[in-house]
Amino acid sequence: MGSFSVWHWLIVLVIVLVLFGRGKIPELMGDVAKGIKSFKKGISEDDTPDHAKTVDHKPEDTKENTRT
């Protein structure tokens, strides 16, 4: 009772084919593949910055220099 037999998987496959149809499953998998590719592209773009920005910091004024 703990594992599925071949008959269980065949019934699940038939239900999936009835719900989605034969042509819909490859289309759905193609959309999933496009989503994964765009996700990977977005991740790789975040890792490589277009140009590095540098900021020049001025030394902070001490309290002695600001007193007048």
N, C-alpha and C. Protein backbone atom coordinates (compact mmCIF):
# COMPACT_ATOMS: atom_id res chain seq x y z
N MET A 1 0.82 -1.19 0.00
CA MET A 1 0.00 0.00 0.00
C MET A 1 0.87 1.26 0.00
N GLY A 2 2.15 1.14 0.36
CA GLY A 2 3.01 2.29 0.46
C GLY A 2 3.54 2.79 -0.86
N SER A 3 3.64 1.93 -1.89
CA SER A 3 4.21 2.36 -3.16
C SER A 3 3.15 2.27 -4.26
N PHE A 4 3.39 3.00 -5.32
CA PHE A 4 2.47 2.99 -6.45
C PHE A 4 2.86 1.90 -7.43
N SER A 5 1.86 1.22 -7.97
CA SER A 5 2.14 0.21 -8.97
C SER A 5 2.07 0.83 -10.36
N VAL A 6 2.33 0.03 -11.36
CA VAL A 6 2.28 0.50 -12.74
C VAL A 6 0.87 0.97 -13.09
N TRP A 7 -0.14 0.30 -12.57
CA TRP A 7 -1.52 0.67 -12.87
C TRP A 7 -1.86 2.05 -12.32
N HIS A 8 -1.34 2.37 -11.16
CA HIS A 8 -1.58 3.70 -10.59
C HIS A 8 -1.00 4.78 -11.51
N TRP A 9 0.23 4.56 -11.98
CA TRP A 9 0.88 5.55 -12.85
C TRP A 9 0.16 5.67 -14.18
N LEU A 10 -0.35 4.56 -14.71
CA LEU A 10 -1.11 4.62 -15.96
C LEU A 10 -2.40 5.42 -15.80
N ILE A 11 -3.06 5.25 -14.69
CA ILE A 11 -4.29 6.01 -14.43
C ILE A 11 -3.97 7.49 -14.30
N VAL A 12 -2.91 7.83 -13.61
CA VAL A 12 -2.50 9.23 -13.47
C VAL A 12 -2.16 9.82 -14.84
N LEU A 13 -1.45 9.05 -15.66
CA LEU A 13 -1.09 9.51 -17.01
C LEU A 13 -2.33 9.76 -17.86
N VAL A 14 -3.30 8.88 -17.79
CA VAL A 14 -4.55 9.05 -18.55
C VAL A 14 -5.29 10.30 -18.09
N ILE A 15 -5.35 10.52 -16.80
CA ILE A 15 -6.04 11.71 -16.27
C ILE A 15 -5.34 12.98 -16.73
N VAL A 16 -4.01 12.99 -16.69
CA VAL A 16 -3.25 14.16 -17.13
C VAL A 16 -3.49 14.41 -18.62
N LEU A 17 -3.49 13.36 -19.43
CA LEU A 17 -3.73 13.52 -20.86
C LEU A 17 -5.14 14.02 -21.14
N VAL A 18 -6.11 13.57 -20.36
CA VAL A 18 -7.48 14.04 -20.56
C VAL A 18 -7.61 15.51 -20.18
N LEU A 19 -6.98 15.90 -19.09
CA LEU A 19 -7.10 17.29 -18.63
C LEU A 19 -6.36 18.26 -19.55
N PHE A 20 -5.15 17.91 -19.94
CA PHE A 20 -4.32 18.85 -20.69
C PHE A 20 -4.33 18.59 -22.20
N GLY A 21 -4.63 17.40 -22.63
CA GLY A 21 -4.60 17.09 -24.05
C GLY A 21 -3.19 16.78 -24.51
N ARG A 22 -3.08 16.11 -25.66
CA ARG A 22 -1.76 15.71 -26.13
C ARG A 22 -0.93 16.90 -26.58
N GLY A 23 -1.53 17.90 -27.18
CA GLY A 23 -0.77 19.04 -27.70
C GLY A 23 -0.39 20.05 -26.64
N LYS A 24 -1.11 20.03 -25.54
CA LYS A 24 -0.89 21.04 -24.50
C LYS A 24 0.36 20.75 -23.66
N ILE A 25 0.69 19.48 -23.46
CA ILE A 25 1.82 19.13 -22.60
C ILE A 25 3.15 19.61 -23.18
N PRO A 26 3.45 19.36 -24.48
CA PRO A 26 4.72 19.89 -25.02
C PRO A 26 4.78 21.41 -24.98
N GLU A 27 3.65 22.06 -25.20
CA GLU A 27 3.61 23.52 -25.13
C GLU A 27 3.90 24.01 -23.71
N LEU A 28 3.33 23.32 -22.75
CA LEU A 28 3.56 23.66 -21.35
C LEU A 28 5.02 23.46 -20.96
N MET A 29 5.62 22.36 -21.41
CA MET A 29 7.03 22.10 -21.10
C MET A 29 7.94 23.11 -21.80
N GLY A 30 7.57 23.55 -23.00
CA GLY A 30 8.35 24.59 -23.69
C GLY A 30 8.32 25.90 -22.92
N ASP A 31 7.15 26.24 -22.36
CA ASP A 31 7.04 27.46 -21.57
C ASP A 31 7.88 27.36 -20.30
N VAL A 32 7.90 26.18 -19.69
CA VAL A 32 8.72 25.98 -18.49
C VAL A 32 10.20 26.15 -18.85
N ALA A 33 10.62 25.59 -19.98
CA ALA A 33 12.02 25.70 -20.40
C ALA A 33 12.39 27.16 -20.68
N LYS A 34 11.50 27.92 -21.30
CA LYS A 34 11.77 29.34 -21.55
C LYS A 34 11.89 30.10 -20.24
N GLY A 35 11.06 29.76 -19.28
CA GLY A 35 11.14 30.40 -17.97
C GLY A 35 12.45 30.12 -17.27
N ILE A 36 12.91 28.89 -17.36
CA ILE A 36 14.19 28.53 -16.73
C ILE A 36 15.34 29.25 -17.41
N LYS A 37 15.31 29.33 -18.74
CA LYS A 37 16.38 30.02 -19.47
C LYS A 37 16.42 31.50 -19.12
N SER A 38 15.25 32.14 -19.03
CA SER A 38 15.24 33.57 -18.70
C SER A 38 15.68 33.79 -17.25
N PHE A 39 15.35 32.85 -16.38
CA PHE A 39 15.80 32.96 -14.98
C PHE A 39 17.32 32.87 -14.90
N LYS A 40 17.91 31.90 -15.62
CA LYS A 40 19.36 31.76 -15.62
C LYS A 40 20.03 32.99 -16.22
N LYS A 41 19.43 33.54 -17.27
CA LYS A 41 19.98 34.74 -17.89
C LYS A 41 19.94 35.92 -16.92
N GLY A 42 18.85 36.06 -16.19
CA GLY A 42 18.74 37.13 -15.21
C GLY A 42 19.74 36.99 -14.09
N ILE A 43 19.98 35.76 -13.65
CA ILE A 43 20.95 35.53 -12.59
C ILE A 43 22.35 35.86 -13.07
N SER A 44 22.69 35.46 -14.30
CA SER A 44 24.04 35.73 -14.80
C SER A 44 24.25 37.22 -15.06
N GLU A 45 23.20 37.95 -15.41
CA GLU A 45 23.34 39.40 -15.60
C GLU A 45 23.56 40.11 -14.28
N ASP A 46 22.99 39.60 -13.20
CA ASP A 46 23.20 40.21 -11.89
C ASP A 46 24.63 40.02 -11.41
N ASP A 47 25.26 38.92 -11.78
CA ASP A 47 26.62 38.63 -11.33
C ASP A 47 27.66 39.50 -12.02
N THR A 48 27.42 39.90 -13.25
CA THR A 48 28.40 40.69 -13.99
C THR A 48 27.89 42.12 -14.13
N PRO A 49 28.42 43.06 -13.35
CA PRO A 49 27.95 44.44 -13.45
C PRO A 49 28.42 45.07 -14.76
N ASP A 50 27.61 46.00 -15.28
CA ASP A 50 27.95 46.67 -16.52
C ASP A 50 29.19 47.53 -16.37
N HIS A 51 29.26 48.28 -15.30
CA HIS A 51 30.43 49.10 -15.04
C HIS A 51 30.52 49.29 -13.52
N ALA A 52 31.73 49.27 -13.06
CA ALA A 52 31.95 49.40 -11.63
C ALA A 52 31.95 50.87 -11.24
N LYS A 53 31.30 51.17 -10.15
CA LYS A 53 31.27 52.55 -9.66
C LYS A 53 32.21 52.66 -8.47
N THR A 54 32.98 53.72 -8.46
CA THR A 54 33.85 53.98 -7.32
C THR A 54 33.41 55.29 -6.69
N VAL A 55 33.53 55.34 -5.40
CA VAL A 55 33.14 56.53 -4.66
C VAL A 55 34.35 57.02 -3.90
N ASP A 56 34.69 58.29 -4.09
CA ASP A 56 35.79 58.88 -3.35
C ASP A 56 35.25 59.43 -2.05
N HIS A 57 35.78 58.94 -0.96
CA HIS A 57 35.34 59.40 0.36
C HIS A 57 36.26 60.52 0.84
N LYS A 58 35.66 61.55 1.35
CA LYS A 58 36.43 62.64 1.94
C LYS A 58 36.69 62.30 3.39
N PRO A 59 37.83 62.67 3.91
CA PRO A 59 38.06 62.41 5.33
C PRO A 59 37.07 63.23 6.16
N GLU A 60 36.56 62.58 7.16
CA GLU A 60 35.56 63.25 7.99
C GLU A 60 36.22 64.35 8.82
N ASP A 61 35.46 65.41 9.00
CA ASP A 61 35.96 66.50 9.83
C ASP A 61 35.91 66.07 11.29
N THR A 62 36.95 66.39 12.00
CA THR A 62 36.95 66.08 13.42
C THR A 62 36.25 67.21 14.17
N LYS A 63 35.93 66.98 15.39
CA LYS A 63 35.24 68.00 16.18
C LYS A 63 36.12 69.22 16.38
N GLU A 64 37.43 69.01 16.44
CA GLU A 64 38.35 70.13 16.64
C GLU A 64 38.35 71.05 15.44
N ASN A 65 38.25 70.50 14.24
CA ASN A 65 38.26 71.32 13.03
C ASN A 65 36.94 72.06 12.82
N THR A 66 35.85 71.54 13.33
CA THR A 66 34.57 72.18 13.11
C THR A 66 34.27 73.27 14.13
N ARG A 67 35.00 73.29 15.26
CA ARG A 67 34.76 74.34 16.26
C ARG A 67 35.39 75.64 15.81
N THR A 68 34.67 76.72 16.01
CA THR A 68 35.20 78.02 15.63
C THR A 68 35.20 78.97 16.77
